[in-house]
């Protein structure tokens, strides 16, 4: 009986600790995400980060450099990449 009680206590402590670590991680991720920008026209085929104007899922861009597909990059990086833009081109989606 003591083994069961000890197992339950240890499991609860692990769940509480995981929740505390998860809360820290999510706030760290939010801060990191705030320093990112969408960079259009530079993603490889199938490597885009989110839906595009022509499809509904991440990872479904049809070709390299698709005009409406983006990847998240640190702010200021996109403008240094040849072909990188901060806004999607709508011409390709039509």
PDB file of N, CA and C in Angstrom:
ATOM      1  N   UNK A   1       0.818  -1.193   0.000  1.00  0.00           N
ATOM      2  CA  UNK A   1       0.000   0.000   0.000  1.00  0.00           C
ATOM      3  C   UNK A   1       0.859   1.254   0.000  1.00  0.00           C
ATOM      4  N   UNK A   2       1.966   1.228   0.752  1.00  0.00           N
ATOM      5  CA  UNK A   2       2.860   2.386   0.782  1.00  0.00           C
ATOM      6  C   UNK A   2       3.503   2.641  -0.576  1.00  0.00           C
ATOM      7  N   UNK A   3       3.777   1.559  -1.321  1.00  0.00           N
ATOM      8  CA  UNK A   3       4.360   1.721  -2.650  1.00  0.00           C
ATOM      9  C   UNK A   3       3.399   2.442  -3.589  1.00  0.00           C
ATOM     10  N   UNK A   4       2.114   2.136  -3.510  1.00  0.00           N
ATOM     11  CA  UNK A   4       1.111   2.783  -4.349  1.00  0.00           C
ATOM     12  C   UNK A   4       1.009   4.260  -3.988  1.00  0.00           C
ATOM     13  N   UNK A   5       0.976   4.551  -2.695  1.00  0.00           N
ATOM     14  CA  UNK A   5       0.890   5.941  -2.246  1.00  0.00           C
ATOM     15  C   UNK A   5       2.134   6.717  -2.665  1.00  0.00           C
ATOM     16  N   UNK A   6       3.290   6.100  -2.563  1.00  0.00           N
ATOM     17  CA  UNK A   6       4.544   6.732  -2.965  1.00  0.00           C
ATOM     18  C   UNK A   6       4.558   6.989  -4.465  1.00  0.00           C
ATOM     19  N   UNK A   7       4.064   6.035  -5.247  1.00  0.00           N
ATOM     20  CA  UNK A   7       4.004   6.183  -6.702  1.00  0.00           C
ATOM     21  C   UNK A   7       3.075   7.326  -7.092  1.00  0.00           C
ATOM     22  N   UNK A   8       1.927   7.416  -6.445  1.00  0.00           N
ATOM     23  CA  UNK A   8       0.970   8.489  -6.732  1.00  0.00           C
ATOM     24  C   UNK A   8       1.568   9.851  -6.364  1.00  0.00           C
ATOM     25  N   UNK A   9       2.205   9.930  -5.225  1.00  0.00           N
ATOM     26  CA  UNK A   9       2.819  11.186  -4.786  1.00  0.00           C
ATOM     27  C   UNK A   9       3.919  11.627  -5.753  1.00  0.00           C
ATOM     28  N   UNK A  10       4.748  10.675  -6.150  1.00  0.00           N
ATOM     29  CA  UNK A  10       5.823  10.984  -7.095  1.00  0.00           C
ATOM     30  C   UNK A  10       5.262  11.419  -8.449  1.00  0.00           C
ATOM     31  N   UNK A  11       4.217  10.743  -8.906  1.00  0.00           N
ATOM     32  CA  UNK A  11       3.595  11.088 -10.186  1.00  0.00           C
ATOM     33  C   UNK A  11       2.997  12.490 -10.154  1.00  0.00           C
ATOM     34  N   UNK A  12       2.313  12.821  -9.061  1.00  0.00           N
ATOM     35  CA  UNK A  12       1.736  14.156  -8.933  1.00  0.00           C
ATOM     36  C   UNK A  12       2.821  15.232  -8.903  1.00  0.00           C
ATOM     37  N   UNK A  13       3.901  14.951  -8.207  1.00  0.00           N
ATOM     38  CA  UNK A  13       5.010  15.909  -8.156  1.00  0.00           C
ATOM     39  C   UNK A  13       5.606  16.114  -9.552  1.00  0.00           C
ATOM     40  N   UNK A  14       5.706  15.039 -10.316  1.00  0.00           N
ATOM     41  CA  UNK A  14       6.242  15.143 -11.679  1.00  0.00           C
ATOM     42  C   UNK A  14       5.322  15.968 -12.571  1.00  0.00           C
ATOM     43  N   UNK A  15       4.016  15.774 -12.435  1.00  0.00           N
ATOM     44  CA  UNK A  15       3.048  16.531 -13.235  1.00  0.00           C
ATOM     45  C   UNK A  15       3.112  18.017 -12.881  1.00  0.00           C
ATOM     46  N   UNK A  16       3.205  18.329 -11.606  1.00  0.00           N
ATOM     47  CA  UNK A  16       3.287  19.723 -11.168  1.00  0.00           C
ATOM     48  C   UNK A  16       4.585  20.354 -11.672  1.00  0.00           C
ATOM     49  N   UNK A  17       5.695  19.632 -11.578  1.00  0.00           N
ATOM     50  CA  UNK A  17       6.975  20.154 -12.058  1.00  0.00           C
ATOM     51  C   UNK A  17       6.938  20.372 -13.566  1.00  0.00           C
ATOM     52  N   UNK A  18       6.337  19.448 -14.295  1.00  0.00           N
ATOM     53  CA  UNK A  18       6.242  19.592 -15.757  1.00  0.00           C
ATOM     54  C   UNK A  18       5.401  20.813 -16.113  1.00  0.00           C
ATOM     55  N   UNK A  19       4.347  21.059 -15.354  1.00  0.00           N
ATOM     56  CA  UNK A  19       3.514  22.239 -15.601  1.00  0.00           C
ATOM     57  C   UNK A  19       4.280  23.523 -15.360  1.00  0.00           C
ATOM     58  N   UNK A  20       5.101  23.540 -14.330  1.00  0.00           N
ATOM     59  CA  UNK A  20       5.897  24.738 -14.034  1.00  0.00           C
ATOM     60  C   UNK A  20       6.922  24.982 -15.134  1.00  0.00           C
ATOM     61  N   UNK A  21       7.561  23.928 -15.605  1.00  0.00           N
ATOM     62  CA  UNK A  21       8.539  24.058 -16.684  1.00  0.00           C
ATOM     63  C   UNK A  21       7.833  24.455 -17.970  1.00  0.00           C
ATOM     64  N   UNK A  22       6.669  23.878 -18.236  1.00  0.00           N
ATOM     65  CA  UNK A  22       5.906  24.209 -19.434  1.00  0.00           C
ATOM     66  C   UNK A  22       5.485  25.659 -19.444  1.00  0.00           C
ATOM     67  N   UNK A  23       5.110  26.214 -18.316  1.00  0.00           N
ATOM     68  CA  UNK A  23       4.733  27.623 -18.233  1.00  0.00           C
ATOM     69  C   UNK A  23       5.903  28.524 -18.560  1.00  0.00           C
ATOM     70  N   UNK A  24       7.076  28.163 -18.088  1.00  0.00           N
ATOM     71  CA  UNK A  24       8.271  28.941 -18.400  1.00  0.00           C
ATOM     72  C   UNK A  24       8.591  28.848 -19.878  1.00  0.00           C
ATOM     73  N   UNK A  25       8.483  27.649 -20.441  1.00  0.00           N
ATOM     74  CA  UNK A  25       8.809  27.450 -21.846  1.00  0.00           C
ATOM     75  C   UNK A  25       7.870  28.230 -22.746  1.00  0.00           C
ATOM     76  N   UNK A  26       6.574  28.240 -22.424  1.00  0.00           N
ATOM     77  CA  UNK A  26       5.631  28.943 -23.285  1.00  0.00           C
ATOM     78  C   UNK A  26       5.867  30.450 -23.255  1.00  0.00           C
ATOM     79  N   UNK A  27       6.242  31.004 -22.101  1.00  0.00           N
ATOM     80  CA  UNK A  27       6.525  32.433 -22.063  1.00  0.00           C
ATOM     81  C   UNK A  27       7.822  32.743 -22.804  1.00  0.00           C
ATOM     82  N   UNK A  28       8.793  31.844 -22.733  1.00  0.00           N
ATOM     83  CA  UNK A  28      10.034  32.030 -23.481  1.00  0.00           C
ATOM     84  C   UNK A  28       9.760  31.942 -24.973  1.00  0.00           C
ATOM     85  N   UNK A  29       8.888  31.017 -25.389  1.00  0.00           N
ATOM     86  CA  UNK A  29       8.542  30.900 -26.804  1.00  0.00           C
ATOM     87  C   UNK A  29       7.793  32.124 -27.292  1.00  0.00           C
ATOM     88  N   UNK A  30       6.927  32.687 -26.463  1.00  0.00           N
ATOM     89  CA  UNK A  30       6.186  33.896 -26.848  1.00  0.00           C
ATOM     90  C   UNK A  30       7.156  35.058 -27.075  1.00  0.00           C
ATOM     91  N   UNK A  31       8.151  35.183 -26.216  1.00  0.00           N
ATOM     92  CA  UNK A  31       9.139  36.253 -26.381  1.00  0.00           C
ATOM     93  C   UNK A  31       9.958  36.020 -27.644  1.00  0.00           C
ATOM     94  N   UNK A  32      10.301  34.764 -27.896  1.00  0.00           N
ATOM     95  CA  UNK A  32      11.075  34.447 -29.092  1.00  0.00           C
ATOM     96  C   UNK A  32      10.247  34.702 -30.345  1.00  0.00           C
ATOM     97  N   UNK A  33       8.972  34.344 -30.323  1.00  0.00           N
ATOM     98  CA  UNK A  33       8.098  34.539 -31.474  1.00  0.00           C
ATOM     99  C   UNK A  33       7.918  36.027 -31.781  1.00  0.00           C
ATOM    100  N   UNK A  34       7.954  36.860 -30.776  1.00  0.00           N
ATOM    101  CA  UNK A  34       7.794  38.294 -30.976  1.00  0.00           C
ATOM    102  C   UNK A  34       8.954  38.877 -31.780  1.00  0.00           C
ATOM    103  N   UNK A  35      10.081  38.193 -31.818  1.00  0.00           N
ATOM    104  CA  UNK A  35      11.250  38.666 -32.549  1.00  0.00           C
ATOM    105  C   UNK A  35      11.338  38.067 -33.950  1.00  0.00           C
ATOM    106  N   UNK A  36      10.242  37.464 -34.443  1.00  0.00           N
ATOM    107  CA  UNK A  36      10.227  36.845 -35.760  1.00  0.00           C
ATOM    108  C   UNK A  36       9.328  37.627 -36.707  1.00  0.00           C
ATOM    109  N   UNK A  37       9.580  37.460 -38.000  1.00  0.00           N
ATOM    110  CA  UNK A  37       8.730  38.060 -39.025  1.00  0.00           C
ATOM    111  C   UNK A  37       8.511  37.034 -40.134  1.00  0.00           C
ATOM    112  N   UNK A  38       7.424  37.202 -40.866  1.00  0.00           N
ATOM    113  CA  UNK A  38       7.122  36.331 -41.992  1.00  0.00           C
ATOM    114  C   UNK A  38       7.938  36.799 -43.193  1.00  0.00           C
ATOM    115  N   UNK A  39       8.648  35.856 -43.802  1.00  0.00           N
ATOM    116  CA  UNK A  39       9.452  36.167 -44.980  1.00  0.00           C
ATOM    117  C   UNK A  39       8.900  35.357 -46.152  1.00  0.00           C
ATOM    118  N   UNK A  40       8.305  36.054 -47.106  1.00  0.00           N
ATOM    119  CA  UNK A  40       7.665  35.418 -48.255  1.00  0.00           C
ATOM    120  C   UNK A  40       8.624  35.260 -49.417  1.00  0.00           C
ATOM    121  N   UNK A  41       8.407  34.208 -50.205  1.00  0.00           N
ATOM    122  CA  UNK A  41       9.149  34.007 -51.443  1.00  0.00           C
ATOM    123  C   UNK A  41      10.487  33.318 -51.303  1.00  0.00           C
ATOM    124  N   UNK A  42      10.825  32.807 -50.132  1.00  0.00           N
ATOM    125  CA  UNK A  42      12.127  32.162 -49.958  1.00  0.00           C
ATOM    126  C   UNK A  42      12.025  30.724 -49.448  1.00  0.00           C
ATOM    127  N   UNK A  43      10.835  30.256 -49.113  1.00  0.00           N
ATOM    128  CA  UNK A  43      10.676  28.900 -48.578  1.00  0.00           C
ATOM    129  C   UNK A  43      10.883  27.863 -49.676  1.00  0.00           C
ATOM    130  N   UNK A  44      11.494  26.745 -49.327  1.00  0.00           N
ATOM    131  CA  UNK A  44      11.631  25.629 -50.254  1.00  0.00           C
ATOM    132  C   UNK A  44      10.287  24.924 -50.373  1.00  0.00           C
ATOM    133  N   UNK A  45      10.091  24.203 -51.456  1.00  0.00           N
ATOM    134  CA  UNK A  45       8.851  23.449 -51.655  1.00  0.00           C
ATOM    135  C   UNK A  45       8.621  22.517 -50.465  1.00  0.00           C
ATOM    136  N   UNK A  46       7.428  22.592 -49.890  1.00  0.00           N
ATOM    137  CA  UNK A  46       7.068  21.735 -48.764  1.00  0.00           C
ATOM    138  C   UNK A  46       7.656  22.153 -47.433  1.00  0.00           C
ATOM    139  N   UNK A  47       8.307  23.301 -47.342  1.00  0.00           N
ATOM    140  CA  UNK A  47       8.951  23.734 -46.100  1.00  0.00           C
ATOM    141  C   UNK A  47       8.378  25.031 -45.554  1.00  0.00           C
ATOM    142  N   UNK A  48       7.224  25.478 -46.059  1.00  0.00           N
ATOM    143  CA  UNK A  48       6.630  26.727 -45.558  1.00  0.00           C
ATOM    144  C   UNK A  48       6.107  26.534 -44.144  1.00  0.00           C
ATOM    145  N   UNK A  49       6.007  27.616 -43.384  1.00  0.00           N
ATOM    146  CA  UNK A  49       5.631  27.541 -41.977  1.00  0.00           C
ATOM    147  C   UNK A  49       4.128  27.540 -41.717  1.00  0.00           C
ATOM    148  N   UNK A  50       3.327  28.020 -42.614  1.00  0.00           N
ATOM    149  CA  UNK A  50       1.896  28.095 -42.359  1.00  0.00           C
ATOM    150  C   UNK A  50       1.148  28.034 -43.681  1.00  0.00           C
ATOM    151  N   UNK A  51      -0.167  28.139 -43.605  1.00  0.00           N
ATOM    152  CA  UNK A  51      -0.956  28.079 -44.832  1.00  0.00           C
ATOM    153  C   UNK A  51      -0.563  29.204 -45.778  1.00  0.00           C
ATOM    154  N   UNK A  52      -0.865  29.020 -47.042  1.00  0.00           N
ATOM    155  CA  UNK A  52      -0.594  30.039 -48.047  1.00  0.00           C
ATOM    156  C   UNK A  52      -1.922  30.477 -48.655  1.00  0.00           C
ATOM    157  N   UNK A  53      -1.874  31.362 -49.598  1.00  0.00           N
ATOM    158  CA  UNK A  53      -3.092  31.781 -50.271  1.00  0.00           C
ATOM    159  C   UNK A  53      -3.635  30.672 -51.161  1.00  0.00           C
ATOM    160  N   UNK A  54      -2.786  29.709 -51.540  1.00  0.00           N
ATOM    161  CA  UNK A  54      -3.211  28.647 -52.445  1.00  0.00           C
ATOM    162  C   UNK A  54      -3.359  27.278 -51.782  1.00  0.00           C
ATOM    163  N   UNK A  55      -3.057  27.131 -50.485  1.00  0.00           N
ATOM    164  CA  UNK A  55      -3.304  25.880 -49.768  1.00  0.00           C
ATOM    165  C   UNK A  55      -3.512  26.160 -48.286  1.00  0.00           C
ATOM    166  N   UNK A  56      -4.001  25.167 -47.554  1.00  0.00           N
ATOM    167  CA  UNK A  56      -4.455  25.411 -46.191  1.00  0.00           C
ATOM    168  C   UNK A  56      -3.543  24.883 -45.087  1.00  0.00           C
ATOM    169  N   UNK A  57      -2.369  24.360 -45.426  1.00  0.00           N
ATOM    170  CA  UNK A  57      -1.538  23.767 -44.376  1.00  0.00           C
ATOM    171  C   UNK A  57      -0.069  24.145 -44.509  1.00  0.00           C
ATOM    172  N   UNK A  58       0.616  24.103 -43.373  1.00  0.00           N
ATOM    173  CA  UNK A  58       2.071  24.275 -43.377  1.00  0.00           C
ATOM    174  C   UNK A  58       2.693  23.088 -44.092  1.00  0.00           C
ATOM    175  N   UNK A  59       3.795  23.312 -44.765  1.00  0.00           N
ATOM    176  CA  UNK A  59       4.503  22.223 -45.424  1.00  0.00           C
ATOM    177  C   UNK A  59       3.906  21.803 -46.750  1.00  0.00           C
ATOM    178  N   UNK A  60       3.012  22.592 -47.305  1.00  0.00           N
ATOM    179  CA  UNK A  60       2.375  22.223 -48.565  1.00  0.00           C
ATOM    180  C   UNK A  60       2.651  23.198 -49.705  1.00  0.00           C
ATOM    181  N   UNK A  61       3.682  24.000 -49.596  1.00  0.00           N
ATOM    182  CA  UNK A  61       4.007  24.878 -50.729  1.00  0.00           C
ATOM    183  C   UNK A  61       4.409  23.986 -51.897  1.00  0.00           C
ATOM    184  N   UNK A  62       4.081  24.414 -53.087  1.00  0.00           N
ATOM    185  CA  UNK A  62       4.236  23.563 -54.263  1.00  0.00           C
ATOM    186  C   UNK A  62       5.584  23.689 -54.958  1.00  0.00           C
ATOM    187  N   UNK A  63       6.266  24.811 -54.766  1.00  0.00           N
ATOM    188  CA  UNK A  63       7.555  24.986 -55.429  1.00  0.00           C
ATOM    189  C   UNK A  63       8.462  25.878 -54.591  1.00  0.00           C
ATOM    190  N   UNK A  64       9.744  25.814 -54.869  1.00  0.00           N
ATOM    191  CA  UNK A  64      10.709  26.681 -54.194  1.00  0.00           C
ATOM    192  C   UNK A  64      10.390  28.132 -54.513  1.00  0.00           C
ATOM    193  N   UNK A  65      10.465  28.993 -53.519  1.00  0.00           N
ATOM    194  CA  UNK A  65      10.257  30.423 -53.723  1.00  0.00           C
ATOM    195  C   UNK A  65       8.826  30.809 -54.047  1.00  0.00           C
ATOM    196  N   UNK A  66       7.870  29.964 -53.686  1.00  0.00           N
ATOM    197  CA  UNK A  66       6.459  30.278 -53.959  1.00  0.00           C
ATOM    198  C   UNK A  66       6.128  31.642 -53.374  1.00  0.00           C
ATOM    199  N   UNK A  67       5.526  32.490 -54.153  1.00  0.00           N
ATOM    200  CA  UNK A  67       5.298  33.895 -53.804  1.00  0.00           C
ATOM    201  C   UNK A  67       4.452  34.102 -52.549  1.00  0.00           C
ATOM    202  N   UNK A  68       3.505  33.195 -52.264  1.00  0.00           N
ATOM    203  CA  UNK A  68       2.610  33.379 -51.132  1.00  0.00           C
ATOM    204  C   UNK A  68       2.957  32.490 -49.934  1.00  0.00           C
ATOM    205  N   UNK A  69       4.075  31.757 -49.996  1.00  0.00           N
ATOM    206  CA  UNK A  69       4.507  30.895 -48.891  1.00  0.00           C
ATOM    207  C   UNK A  69       5.574  31.632 -48.081  1.00  0.00           C
ATOM    208  N   UNK A  70       5.519  31.467 -46.751  1.00  0.00           N
ATOM    209  CA  UNK A  70       6.510  32.153 -45.917  1.00  0.00           C
ATOM    210  C   UNK A  70       7.169  31.207 -44.927  1.00  0.00           C
ATOM    211  N   UNK A  71       8.302  31.653 -44.409  1.00  0.00           N
ATOM    212  CA  UNK A  71       8.952  31.022 -43.264  1.00  0.00           C
ATOM    213  C   UNK A  71       9.194  32.126 -42.244  1.00  0.00           C
ATOM    214  N   UNK A  72       9.193  31.768 -40.987  1.00  0.00           N
ATOM    215  CA  UNK A  72       9.435  32.736 -39.912  1.00  0.00           C
ATOM    216  C   UNK A  72      10.940  32.874 -39.706  1.00  0.00           C
ATOM    217  N   UNK A  73      11.409  34.097 -39.765  1.00  0.00           N
ATOM    218  CA  UNK A  73      12.834  34.393 -39.590  1.00  0.00           C
ATOM    219  C   UNK A  73      13.003  35.516 -38.567  1.00  0.00           C
ATOM    220  N   UNK A  74      14.174  35.626 -37.959  1.00  0.00           N
ATOM    221  CA  UNK A  74      14.414  36.744 -37.046  1.00  0.00           C
ATOM    222  C   UNK A  74      14.220  38.077 -37.772  1.00  0.00           C
ATOM    223  N   UNK A  75      13.651  39.038 -37.069  1.00  0.00           N
ATOM    224  CA  UNK A  75      13.402  40.352 -37.672  1.00  0.00           C
ATOM    225  C   UNK A  75      14.674  40.925 -38.277  1.00  0.00           C
ATOM    226  N   UNK A  76      14.518  41.495 -39.475  1.00  0.00           N
ATOM    227  CA  UNK A  76      15.639  42.101 -40.172  1.00  0.00           C
ATOM    228  C   UNK A  76      16.371  41.159 -41.110  1.00  0.00           C
ATOM    229  N   UNK A  77      16.114  39.857 -41.012  1.00  0.00           N
ATOM    230  CA  UNK A  77      16.812  38.883 -41.840  1.00  0.00           C
ATOM    231  C   UNK A  77      16.221  38.811 -43.239  1.00  0.00           C
ATOM    232  N   UNK A  78      14.912  38.849 -43.361  1.00  0.00           N
ATOM    233  CA  UNK A  78      14.234  38.662 -44.639  1.00  0.00           C
ATOM    234  C   UNK A  78      14.705  39.661 -45.692  1.00  0.00           C
ATOM    235  N   UNK A  79      14.849  40.888 -45.293  1.00  0.00           N
ATOM    236  CA  UNK A  79      15.230  41.924 -46.251  1.00  0.00           C
ATOM    237  C   UNK A  79      16.647  41.736 -46.790  1.00  0.00           C
ATOM    238  N   UNK A  80      17.437  40.910 -46.145  1.00  0.00           N
ATOM    239  CA  UNK A  80      18.803  40.642 -46.597  1.00  0.00           C
ATOM    240  C   UNK A  80      18.875  39.467 -47.567  1.00  0.00           C
ATOM    241  N   UNK A  81      17.788  38.709 -47.692  1.00  0.00           N
ATOM    242  CA  UNK A  81      17.760  37.528 -48.557  1.00  0.00           C
ATOM    243  C   UNK A  81      17.243  37.927 -49.933  1.00  0.00           C
ATOM    244  N   UNK A  82      17.940  37.517 -50.973  1.00  0.00           N
ATOM    245  CA  UNK A  82      17.509  37.818 -52.334  1.00  0.00           C
ATOM    246  C   UNK A  82      16.153  37.165 -52.570  1.00  0.00           C
ATOM    247  N   UNK A  83      15.184  37.946 -52.962  1.00  0.00           N
ATOM    248  CA  UNK A  83      13.832  37.445 -53.221  1.00  0.00           C
ATOM    249  C   UNK A  83      12.928  37.475 -52.006  1.00  0.00           C
ATOM    250  N   UNK A  84      13.460  37.782 -50.841  1.00  0.00           N
ATOM    251  CA  UNK A  84      12.663  37.818 -49.617  1.00  0.00           C
ATOM    252  C   UNK A  84      11.820  39.079 -49.531  1.00  0.00           C
ATOM    253  N   UNK A  85      10.549  38.920 -49.158  1.00  0.00           N
ATOM    254  CA  UNK A  85       9.629  40.049 -49.009  1.00  0.00           C
ATOM    255  C   UNK A  85       8.842  39.889 -47.715  1.00  0.00           C
ATOM    256  N   UNK A  86       8.398  40.985 -47.152  1.00  0.00           N
ATOM    257  CA  UNK A  86       7.623  40.958 -45.917  1.00  0.00           C
ATOM    258  C   UNK A  86       6.125  40.835 -46.170  1.00  0.00           C
ATOM    259  N   UNK A  87       5.703  40.895 -47.432  1.00  0.00           N
ATOM    260  CA  UNK A  87       4.288  40.738 -47.778  1.00  0.00           C
ATOM    261  C   UNK A  87       4.150  39.725 -48.896  1.00  0.00           C
ATOM    262  N   UNK A  88       3.046  38.973 -48.881  1.00  0.00           N
ATOM    263  CA  UNK A  88       2.784  37.966 -49.905  1.00  0.00           C
ATOM    264  C   UNK A  88       2.384  38.607 -51.208  1.00  0.00           C
ATOM    265  N   UNK A  89       2.738  37.958 -52.297  1.00  0.00           N
ATOM    266  CA  UNK A  89       2.282  38.377 -53.614  1.00  0.00           C
ATOM    267  C   UNK A  89       1.003  37.602 -53.908  1.00  0.00           C
ATOM    268  N   UNK A  90      -0.067  38.284 -54.218  1.00  0.00           N
ATOM    269  CA  UNK A  90      -1.344  37.622 -54.471  1.00  0.00           C
ATOM    270  C   UNK A  90      -1.480  37.133 -55.909  1.00  0.00           C
ATOM    271  N   UNK A  91      -0.618  37.546 -56.807  1.00  0.00           N
ATOM    272  CA  UNK A  91      -0.748  37.203 -58.224  1.00  0.00           C
ATOM    273  C   UNK A  91      -0.651  35.692 -58.453  1.00  0.00           C
ATOM    274  N   UNK A  92       0.207  35.007 -57.721  1.00  0.00           N
ATOM    275  CA  UNK A  92       0.409  33.576 -57.944  1.00  0.00           C
ATOM    276  C   UNK A  92      -0.762  32.736 -57.457  1.00  0.00           C
ATOM    277  N   UNK A  93      -1.478  33.189 -56.456  1.00  0.00           N
ATOM    278  CA  UNK A  93      -2.562  32.410 -55.865  1.00  0.00           C
ATOM    279  C   UNK A  93      -3.791  32.370 -56.756  1.00  0.00           C
ATOM    280  N   UNK A  94      -3.900  33.268 -57.710  1.00  0.00           N
ATOM    281  CA  UNK A  94      -5.103  33.321 -58.536  1.00  0.00           C
ATOM    282  C   UNK A  94      -5.048  32.416 -59.714  1.00  0.00           C
TER     283      UNK A  94
END
